[in-house]
Amino acid sequence: MPVEMNVMSHQLVGAWLARLTTAEKRPETLAGFMEGLAAYVNNALGVETIAATYVAARNAWRIPGVLEIFGVAEDAAAVYVSHAPEQVVIRLPDPELLAESRNLAVAFDHGGRSGEFYVDRFYYDYIRGGDYAPSNSAFLDSRIADYTFAQCR
């Protein structure tokens, strides 16, 4: 069963991941990752009310309005992967998630909507442009979050 993630604040999560990319030391546990993200969000928003909590009944780490990760142990390890000339990591999709995505694609194809694809509202604002379009930096941070969690729901 795949780990399920709900990224609600793409820009903040992406900015935190960008910071971790160049960090000398990264959290070794998911708890540390989530607590670090909560601290980052508090600092970015100028508040002190955001907290990471583990909900044992749902096997989930939560930062309300920012990020939820379901189907994980409270003490799960955090592993970071970066590519190097000596090692390339090819992340294959989760089989269940791939099957679900394939079924949706086939349904859209059979519905006569060939070539159409779902674009999250955030990206639609960017693609459409106008007054509500995010800045390039905000869009970049959002894409970092998406690509890092590409196998998650």
N, C-alpha and C. Protein backbone atom coordinates (compact mmCIF):
# COMPACT_ATOMS: atom_id res chain seq x y z
N MET A 1 0.85 -1.18 0.00
CA MET A 1 0.00 0.00 0.00
C MET A 1 0.89 1.24 0.00
N PRO A 2 0.63 2.18 -0.90
CA PRO A 2 1.48 3.36 -0.96
C PRO A 2 1.24 4.31 0.21
N VAL A 3 2.27 5.03 0.54
CA VAL A 3 2.13 6.12 1.50
C VAL A 3 1.32 7.20 0.80
N GLU A 4 0.37 7.79 1.49
CA GLU A 4 -0.44 8.84 0.90
C GLU A 4 -0.06 10.18 1.51
N MET A 5 0.13 11.17 0.65
CA MET A 5 0.47 12.51 1.11
C MET A 5 -0.50 13.50 0.52
N ASN A 6 -0.82 14.47 1.32
CA ASN A 6 -1.68 15.56 0.88
C ASN A 6 -0.89 16.85 1.10
N VAL A 7 -0.35 17.39 0.02
CA VAL A 7 0.41 18.64 0.11
C VAL A 7 -0.58 19.78 -0.11
N MET A 8 -0.84 20.54 0.94
CA MET A 8 -1.83 21.62 0.86
C MET A 8 -1.17 22.97 0.62
N SER A 9 0.05 23.13 1.08
CA SER A 9 0.77 24.38 0.87
C SER A 9 2.03 24.07 0.07
N HIS A 10 1.84 23.95 -1.24
CA HIS A 10 2.94 23.56 -2.13
C HIS A 10 4.15 24.48 -2.00
N GLN A 11 3.91 25.77 -1.93
CA GLN A 11 5.03 26.71 -1.89
C GLN A 11 5.86 26.54 -0.63
N LEU A 12 5.21 26.44 0.53
CA LEU A 12 5.97 26.29 1.78
C LEU A 12 6.70 24.96 1.84
N VAL A 13 6.05 23.88 1.43
CA VAL A 13 6.70 22.57 1.44
C VAL A 13 7.86 22.56 0.45
N GLY A 14 7.64 23.12 -0.74
CA GLY A 14 8.71 23.17 -1.73
C GLY A 14 9.90 23.99 -1.27
N ALA A 15 9.63 25.12 -0.62
CA ALA A 15 10.73 25.95 -0.10
C ALA A 15 11.51 25.21 0.98
N TRP A 16 10.81 24.45 1.84
CA TRP A 16 11.48 23.66 2.88
C TRP A 16 12.36 22.58 2.23
N LEU A 17 11.84 21.91 1.21
CA LEU A 17 12.62 20.88 0.52
C LEU A 17 13.84 21.49 -0.17
N ALA A 18 13.67 22.67 -0.75
CA ALA A 18 14.80 23.35 -1.39
C ALA A 18 15.88 23.65 -0.36
N ARG A 19 15.46 24.05 0.83
CA ARG A 19 16.42 24.33 1.91
C ARG A 19 17.15 23.05 2.31
N LEU A 20 16.42 21.94 2.41
CA LEU A 20 17.04 20.66 2.78
C LEU A 20 18.03 20.17 1.73
N THR A 21 17.78 20.54 0.47
CA THR A 21 18.65 20.10 -0.62
C THR A 21 20.09 20.54 -0.39
N THR A 22 20.28 21.72 0.15
CA THR A 22 21.63 22.24 0.36
C THR A 22 22.08 22.20 1.82
N ALA A 23 21.25 21.62 2.68
CA ALA A 23 21.59 21.55 4.10
C ALA A 23 22.72 20.54 4.35
N GLU A 24 23.62 20.88 5.26
CA GLU A 24 24.69 19.96 5.61
C GLU A 24 24.17 18.76 6.37
N LYS A 25 23.16 18.98 7.19
CA LYS A 25 22.56 17.90 7.97
C LYS A 25 21.05 17.96 7.79
N ARG A 26 20.45 16.79 7.56
CA ARG A 26 19.00 16.72 7.37
C ARG A 26 18.39 15.86 8.46
N PRO A 27 17.12 16.07 8.79
CA PRO A 27 16.46 15.23 9.80
C PRO A 27 16.53 13.76 9.39
N GLU A 28 16.82 12.91 10.35
CA GLU A 28 16.95 11.48 10.06
C GLU A 28 15.64 10.71 10.22
N THR A 29 14.63 11.37 10.77
CA THR A 29 13.33 10.73 10.95
C THR A 29 12.24 11.58 10.32
N LEU A 30 11.11 10.94 10.04
CA LEU A 30 9.98 11.69 9.52
C LEU A 30 9.48 12.69 10.56
N ALA A 31 9.57 12.31 11.84
CA ALA A 31 9.19 13.24 12.91
C ALA A 31 10.06 14.50 12.84
N GLY A 32 11.36 14.33 12.68
CA GLY A 32 12.26 15.47 12.57
C GLY A 32 11.97 16.31 11.34
N PHE A 33 11.66 15.63 10.22
CA PHE A 33 11.30 16.34 8.99
C PHE A 33 10.06 17.20 9.21
N MET A 34 9.03 16.60 9.79
CA MET A 34 7.77 17.32 10.00
C MET A 34 7.93 18.45 11.02
N GLU A 35 8.67 18.20 12.09
CA GLU A 35 8.91 19.24 13.09
C GLU A 35 9.72 20.39 12.51
N GLY A 36 10.71 20.05 11.67
CA GLY A 36 11.50 21.08 11.00
C GLY A 36 10.64 21.89 10.03
N LEU A 37 9.76 21.21 9.30
CA LEU A 37 8.85 21.91 8.39
C LEU A 37 7.92 22.83 9.17
N ALA A 38 7.40 22.36 10.29
CA ALA A 38 6.51 23.21 11.11
C ALA A 38 7.25 24.45 11.60
N ALA A 39 8.49 24.28 12.04
CA ALA A 39 9.29 25.43 12.49
C ALA A 39 9.54 26.39 11.33
N TYR A 40 9.83 25.85 10.14
CA TYR A 40 10.06 26.67 8.96
C TYR A 40 8.80 27.48 8.62
N VAL A 41 7.65 26.82 8.66
CA VAL A 41 6.38 27.49 8.36
C VAL A 41 6.10 28.60 9.37
N ASN A 42 6.31 28.30 10.65
CA ASN A 42 6.12 29.32 11.69
C ASN A 42 6.98 30.55 11.40
N ASN A 43 8.24 30.31 11.06
CA ASN A 43 9.16 31.40 10.78
C ASN A 43 8.73 32.17 9.52
N ALA A 44 8.36 31.44 8.48
CA ALA A 44 7.96 32.09 7.22
C ALA A 44 6.70 32.92 7.38
N LEU A 45 5.77 32.45 8.21
CA LEU A 45 4.51 33.16 8.39
C LEU A 45 4.51 34.12 9.56
N GLY A 46 5.58 34.09 10.36
CA GLY A 46 5.66 34.97 11.52
C GLY A 46 4.68 34.59 12.61
N VAL A 47 4.44 33.29 12.77
CA VAL A 47 3.53 32.81 13.81
C VAL A 47 4.25 31.78 14.67
N GLU A 48 3.59 31.33 15.72
CA GLU A 48 4.15 30.29 16.57
C GLU A 48 3.13 29.20 16.85
N THR A 49 2.11 29.10 16.01
CA THR A 49 1.00 28.19 16.28
C THR A 49 1.01 26.91 15.46
N ILE A 50 1.86 26.82 14.47
CA ILE A 50 1.89 25.65 13.59
C ILE A 50 2.71 24.55 14.27
N ALA A 51 2.13 23.34 14.32
CA ALA A 51 2.83 22.22 14.95
C ALA A 51 2.60 20.94 14.15
N ALA A 52 3.59 20.07 14.18
CA ALA A 52 3.48 18.75 13.58
C ALA A 52 2.99 17.79 14.66
N THR A 53 1.97 17.01 14.33
CA THR A 53 1.45 16.04 15.29
C THR A 53 1.28 14.68 14.62
N TYR A 54 1.43 13.64 15.42
CA TYR A 54 1.21 12.28 14.92
C TYR A 54 -0.13 11.80 15.43
N VAL A 55 -0.96 11.31 14.52
CA VAL A 55 -2.28 10.79 14.87
C VAL A 55 -2.21 9.28 14.74
N ALA A 56 -2.03 8.60 15.87
CA ALA A 56 -1.82 7.15 15.87
C ALA A 56 -2.99 6.39 15.25
N ALA A 57 -4.20 6.84 15.48
CA ALA A 57 -5.38 6.14 14.95
C ALA A 57 -5.39 6.10 13.42
N ARG A 58 -4.71 7.03 12.79
CA ARG A 58 -4.67 7.09 11.31
C ARG A 58 -3.27 6.83 10.76
N ASN A 59 -2.32 6.52 11.65
CA ASN A 59 -0.92 6.35 11.22
C ASN A 59 -0.50 7.52 10.35
N ALA A 60 -0.70 8.72 10.86
CA ALA A 60 -0.49 9.91 10.04
C ALA A 60 0.26 11.00 10.78
N TRP A 61 1.17 11.65 10.06
CA TRP A 61 1.79 12.90 10.51
C TRP A 61 1.01 14.03 9.87
N ARG A 62 0.70 15.07 10.65
CA ARG A 62 -0.10 16.18 10.13
C ARG A 62 0.46 17.53 10.55
N ILE A 63 0.49 18.44 9.61
CA ILE A 63 0.65 19.86 9.88
C ILE A 63 -0.55 20.49 9.19
N PRO A 64 -1.61 20.80 9.95
CA PRO A 64 -2.84 21.29 9.34
C PRO A 64 -2.61 22.45 8.36
N GLY A 65 -3.20 22.30 7.18
CA GLY A 65 -3.09 23.33 6.15
C GLY A 65 -1.79 23.33 5.39
N VAL A 66 -0.87 22.43 5.75
CA VAL A 66 0.44 22.42 5.09
C VAL A 66 0.72 21.06 4.45
N LEU A 67 0.78 19.99 5.27
CA LEU A 67 1.16 18.67 4.77
C LEU A 67 0.60 17.59 5.68
N GLU A 68 0.06 16.53 5.07
CA GLU A 68 -0.37 15.35 5.80
C GLU A 68 0.27 14.14 5.13
N ILE A 69 0.77 13.21 5.94
CA ILE A 69 1.36 11.98 5.42
C ILE A 69 0.70 10.82 6.13
N PHE A 70 -0.02 9.98 5.38
CA PHE A 70 -0.79 8.88 5.94
C PHE A 70 -0.10 7.54 5.67
N GLY A 71 -0.35 6.58 6.56
CA GLY A 71 0.16 5.23 6.36
C GLY A 71 1.61 5.07 6.75
N VAL A 72 2.07 5.85 7.72
CA VAL A 72 3.47 5.78 8.15
C VAL A 72 3.55 5.56 9.66
N ALA A 73 4.63 4.93 10.06
CA ALA A 73 4.88 4.73 11.49
C ALA A 73 5.35 6.04 12.11
N GLU A 74 5.06 6.21 13.38
CA GLU A 74 5.46 7.44 14.08
C GLU A 74 6.97 7.63 14.06
N ASP A 75 7.71 6.52 14.13
CA ASP A 75 9.17 6.60 14.18
C ASP A 75 9.83 6.28 12.83
N ALA A 76 9.10 6.51 11.73
CA ALA A 76 9.64 6.22 10.39
C ALA A 76 10.92 7.00 10.13
N ALA A 77 11.86 6.34 9.47
CA ALA A 77 13.11 7.00 9.08
C ALA A 77 12.85 7.91 7.88
N ALA A 78 13.66 8.92 7.73
CA ALA A 78 13.60 9.81 6.57
C ALA A 78 14.85 9.55 5.73
N VAL A 79 14.65 9.24 4.46
CA VAL A 79 15.76 8.96 3.55
C VAL A 79 15.69 9.99 2.42
N TYR A 80 16.81 10.59 2.13
CA TYR A 80 16.88 11.61 1.08
C TYR A 80 17.73 11.06 -0.06
N VAL A 81 17.29 11.30 -1.29
CA VAL A 81 18.00 10.79 -2.45
C VAL A 81 18.34 11.95 -3.36
N SER A 82 19.60 12.07 -3.71
CA SER A 82 20.04 13.03 -4.70
C SER A 82 20.83 12.26 -5.75
N HIS A 83 20.80 12.74 -6.94
CA HIS A 83 21.53 12.06 -8.02
C HIS A 83 22.97 12.54 -8.06
N ALA A 84 23.84 11.66 -8.48
CA ALA A 84 25.26 11.97 -8.63
C ALA A 84 25.77 11.23 -9.85
N PRO A 85 26.90 11.65 -10.41
CA PRO A 85 27.43 10.95 -11.58
C PRO A 85 27.66 9.46 -11.33
N GLU A 86 27.92 9.10 -10.08
CA GLU A 86 28.21 7.71 -9.74
C GLU A 86 26.94 6.91 -9.46
N GLN A 87 25.81 7.59 -9.28
CA GLN A 87 24.58 6.88 -8.94
C GLN A 87 23.37 7.66 -9.45
N VAL A 88 22.55 6.99 -10.21
CA VAL A 88 21.30 7.58 -10.66
C VAL A 88 20.17 6.73 -10.10
N VAL A 89 19.27 7.36 -9.41
CA VAL A 89 18.14 6.66 -8.82
C VAL A 89 16.95 6.81 -9.75
N ILE A 90 16.41 5.70 -10.18
CA ILE A 90 15.22 5.72 -11.04
C ILE A 90 14.04 5.30 -10.17
N ARG A 91 13.20 6.26 -9.85
CA ARG A 91 12.05 5.99 -8.99
C ARG A 91 10.90 5.49 -9.83
N LEU A 92 10.55 4.23 -9.64
CA LEU A 92 9.41 3.67 -10.34
C LEU A 92 8.13 3.99 -9.58
N PRO A 93 7.04 4.16 -10.29
CA PRO A 93 5.79 4.47 -9.61
C PRO A 93 5.31 3.29 -8.77
N ASP A 94 4.57 3.59 -7.74
CA ASP A 94 3.93 2.56 -6.94
C ASP A 94 2.92 1.83 -7.84
N PRO A 95 2.93 0.49 -7.86
CA PRO A 95 2.02 -0.24 -8.75
C PRO A 95 0.55 0.11 -8.56
N GLU A 96 0.09 0.25 -7.32
CA GLU A 96 -1.31 0.60 -7.08
C GLU A 96 -1.63 1.99 -7.61
N LEU A 97 -0.74 2.93 -7.37
CA LEU A 97 -0.95 4.29 -7.83
C LEU A 97 -0.93 4.35 -9.36
N LEU A 98 -0.04 3.57 -9.98
CA LEU A 98 0.03 3.53 -11.43
C LEU A 98 -1.26 2.97 -12.01
N ALA A 99 -1.78 1.89 -11.42
CA ALA A 99 -3.02 1.30 -11.90
C ALA A 99 -4.18 2.29 -11.78
N GLU A 100 -4.24 2.98 -10.66
CA GLU A 100 -5.29 3.98 -10.45
C GLU A 100 -5.20 5.09 -11.49
N SER A 101 -3.99 5.58 -11.73
CA SER A 101 -3.78 6.65 -12.70
C SER A 101 -4.12 6.18 -14.11
N ARG A 102 -3.72 4.95 -14.44
CA ARG A 102 -4.00 4.40 -15.77
C ARG A 102 -5.51 4.29 -15.97
N ASN A 103 -6.24 3.83 -14.96
CA ASN A 103 -7.69 3.72 -15.07
C ASN A 103 -8.33 5.08 -15.33
N LEU A 104 -7.86 6.12 -14.65
CA LEU A 104 -8.39 7.46 -14.88
C LEU A 104 -8.08 7.94 -16.30
N ALA A 105 -6.86 7.69 -16.76
CA ALA A 105 -6.48 8.12 -18.10
C ALA A 105 -7.34 7.42 -19.16
N VAL A 106 -7.54 6.12 -18.98
CA VAL A 106 -8.36 5.36 -19.92
C VAL A 106 -9.80 5.89 -19.91
N ALA A 107 -10.32 6.18 -18.72
CA ALA A 107 -11.68 6.72 -18.62
C ALA A 107 -11.80 8.05 -19.35
N PHE A 108 -10.80 8.92 -19.20
CA PHE A 108 -10.83 10.20 -19.93
C PHE A 108 -10.74 9.96 -21.43
N ASP A 109 -9.89 9.02 -21.85
CA ASP A 109 -9.77 8.72 -23.28
C ASP A 109 -11.09 8.22 -23.86
N HIS A 110 -11.74 7.30 -23.15
CA HIS A 110 -13.00 6.74 -23.63
C HIS A 110 -14.14 7.75 -23.56
N GLY A 111 -13.99 8.75 -22.74
CA GLY A 111 -15.01 9.79 -22.64
C GLY A 111 -14.89 10.85 -23.71
N GLY A 112 -14.00 10.64 -24.67
CA GLY A 112 -13.83 11.59 -25.75
C GLY A 112 -13.06 12.83 -25.36
N ARG A 113 -12.28 12.73 -24.30
CA ARG A 113 -11.51 13.89 -23.85
C ARG A 113 -10.03 13.64 -24.08
N SER A 114 -9.71 13.05 -25.20
CA SER A 114 -8.33 12.72 -25.52
C SER A 114 -7.45 13.97 -25.49
N GLY A 115 -6.28 13.84 -24.90
CA GLY A 115 -5.34 14.94 -24.85
C GLY A 115 -5.53 15.87 -23.69
N GLU A 116 -6.66 15.76 -22.99
CA GLU A 116 -6.87 16.61 -21.82
C GLU A 116 -6.21 15.98 -20.61
N PHE A 117 -5.78 16.80 -19.71
CA PHE A 117 -5.20 16.30 -18.47
C PHE A 117 -5.57 17.24 -17.35
N TYR A 118 -5.57 16.68 -16.15
CA TYR A 118 -5.93 17.47 -14.98
C TYR A 118 -4.78 18.38 -14.60
N VAL A 119 -5.08 19.65 -14.38
CA VAL A 119 -4.09 20.60 -13.88
C VAL A 119 -4.64 21.17 -12.58
N ASP A 120 -3.90 21.00 -11.51
CA ASP A 120 -4.32 21.53 -10.23
C ASP A 120 -4.58 23.03 -10.35
N ARG A 121 -5.55 23.53 -9.59
CA ARG A 121 -5.92 24.95 -9.65
C ARG A 121 -4.70 25.86 -9.53
N PHE A 122 -3.75 25.48 -8.67
CA PHE A 122 -2.56 26.30 -8.50
C PHE A 122 -1.84 26.47 -9.83
N TYR A 123 -1.68 25.39 -10.58
CA TYR A 123 -0.97 25.46 -11.85
C TYR A 123 -1.81 26.14 -12.91
N TYR A 124 -3.11 25.96 -12.86
CA TYR A 124 -3.97 26.63 -13.82
C TYR A 124 -3.80 28.14 -13.70
N ASP A 125 -3.73 28.64 -12.47
CA ASP A 125 -3.51 30.08 -12.28
C ASP A 125 -2.21 30.51 -12.92
N TYR A 126 -1.18 29.68 -12.80
CA TYR A 126 0.12 30.01 -13.38
C TYR A 126 0.04 29.98 -14.91
N ILE A 127 -0.57 28.91 -15.44
CA ILE A 127 -0.65 28.75 -16.89
C ILE A 127 -1.52 29.84 -17.51
N ARG A 128 -2.63 30.16 -16.85
CA ARG A 128 -3.56 31.16 -17.35
C ARG A 128 -2.97 32.56 -17.27
N GLY A 129 -2.15 32.81 -16.25
CA GLY A 129 -1.59 34.14 -16.05
C GLY A 129 -2.59 35.06 -15.37
N GLY A 130 -2.36 36.34 -15.47
CA GLY A 130 -3.28 37.30 -14.88
C GLY A 130 -2.88 37.70 -13.48
N ASP A 131 -3.80 38.40 -12.81
CA ASP A 131 -3.52 38.96 -11.49
C ASP A 131 -3.25 37.91 -10.42
N TYR A 132 -3.82 36.73 -10.56
CA TYR A 132 -3.68 35.72 -9.52
C TYR A 132 -2.56 34.72 -9.79
N ALA A 133 -1.83 34.91 -10.86
CA ALA A 133 -0.73 34.00 -11.17
C ALA A 133 0.37 34.12 -10.12
N PRO A 134 0.89 32.99 -9.63
CA PRO A 134 1.98 33.05 -8.66
C PRO A 134 3.27 33.53 -9.33
N SER A 135 4.19 33.99 -8.52
CA SER A 135 5.48 34.40 -9.06
C SER A 135 6.25 33.17 -9.52
N ASN A 136 7.30 33.39 -10.29
CA ASN A 136 8.12 32.27 -10.74
C ASN A 136 8.74 31.53 -9.56
N SER A 137 9.14 32.26 -8.52
CA SER A 137 9.73 31.61 -7.34
C SER A 137 8.71 30.74 -6.63
N ALA A 138 7.49 31.23 -6.47
CA ALA A 138 6.44 30.45 -5.83
C ALA A 138 6.12 29.21 -6.66
N PHE A 139 6.10 29.37 -7.98
CA PHE A 139 5.84 28.23 -8.85
C PHE A 139 6.96 27.20 -8.75
N LEU A 140 8.20 27.66 -8.72
CA LEU A 140 9.34 26.75 -8.59
C LEU A 140 9.26 25.96 -7.30
N ASP A 141 9.01 26.64 -6.18
CA ASP A 141 8.90 25.93 -4.90
C ASP A 141 7.78 24.90 -4.95
N SER A 142 6.70 25.21 -5.60
CA SER A 142 5.59 24.27 -5.72
C SER A 142 5.97 23.06 -6.54
N ARG A 143 6.68 23.28 -7.63
CA ARG A 143 7.11 22.16 -8.47
C ARG A 143 8.11 21.27 -7.73
N ILE A 144 8.97 21.85 -6.91
CA ILE A 144 9.90 21.04 -6.12
C ILE A 144 9.13 20.08 -5.23
N ALA A 145 8.09 20.57 -4.58
CA ALA A 145 7.27 19.71 -3.72
C ALA A 145 6.62 18.61 -4.54
N ASP A 146 6.08 18.96 -5.69
CA ASP A 146 5.42 17.96 -6.53
C ASP A 146 6.37 16.87 -6.99
N TYR A 147 7.53 17.25 -7.47
CA TYR A 147 8.46 16.25 -7.97
C TYR A 147 9.05 15.40 -6.86
N THR A 148 9.25 15.98 -5.69
CA THR A 148 9.77 15.21 -4.57
C THR A 148 8.76 14.17 -4.12
N PHE A 149 7.49 14.52 -4.14
CA PHE A 149 6.44 13.61 -3.70
C PHE A 149 5.69 13.02 -4.89
N ALA A 150 6.37 12.84 -6.02
CA ALA A 150 5.71 12.44 -7.24
C ALA A 150 5.01 11.09 -7.14
N GLN A 151 5.46 10.19 -6.28
CA GLN A 151 4.83 8.89 -6.19
C GLN A 151 3.68 8.87 -5.21
N CYS A 152 3.41 9.97 -4.57
CA CYS A 152 2.40 9.99 -3.53
C CYS A 152 1.11 10.61 -4.03
N ARG A 153 0.04 10.31 -3.34
CA ARG A 153 -1.26 10.84 -3.74
C ARG A 153 -1.46 12.21 -3.16
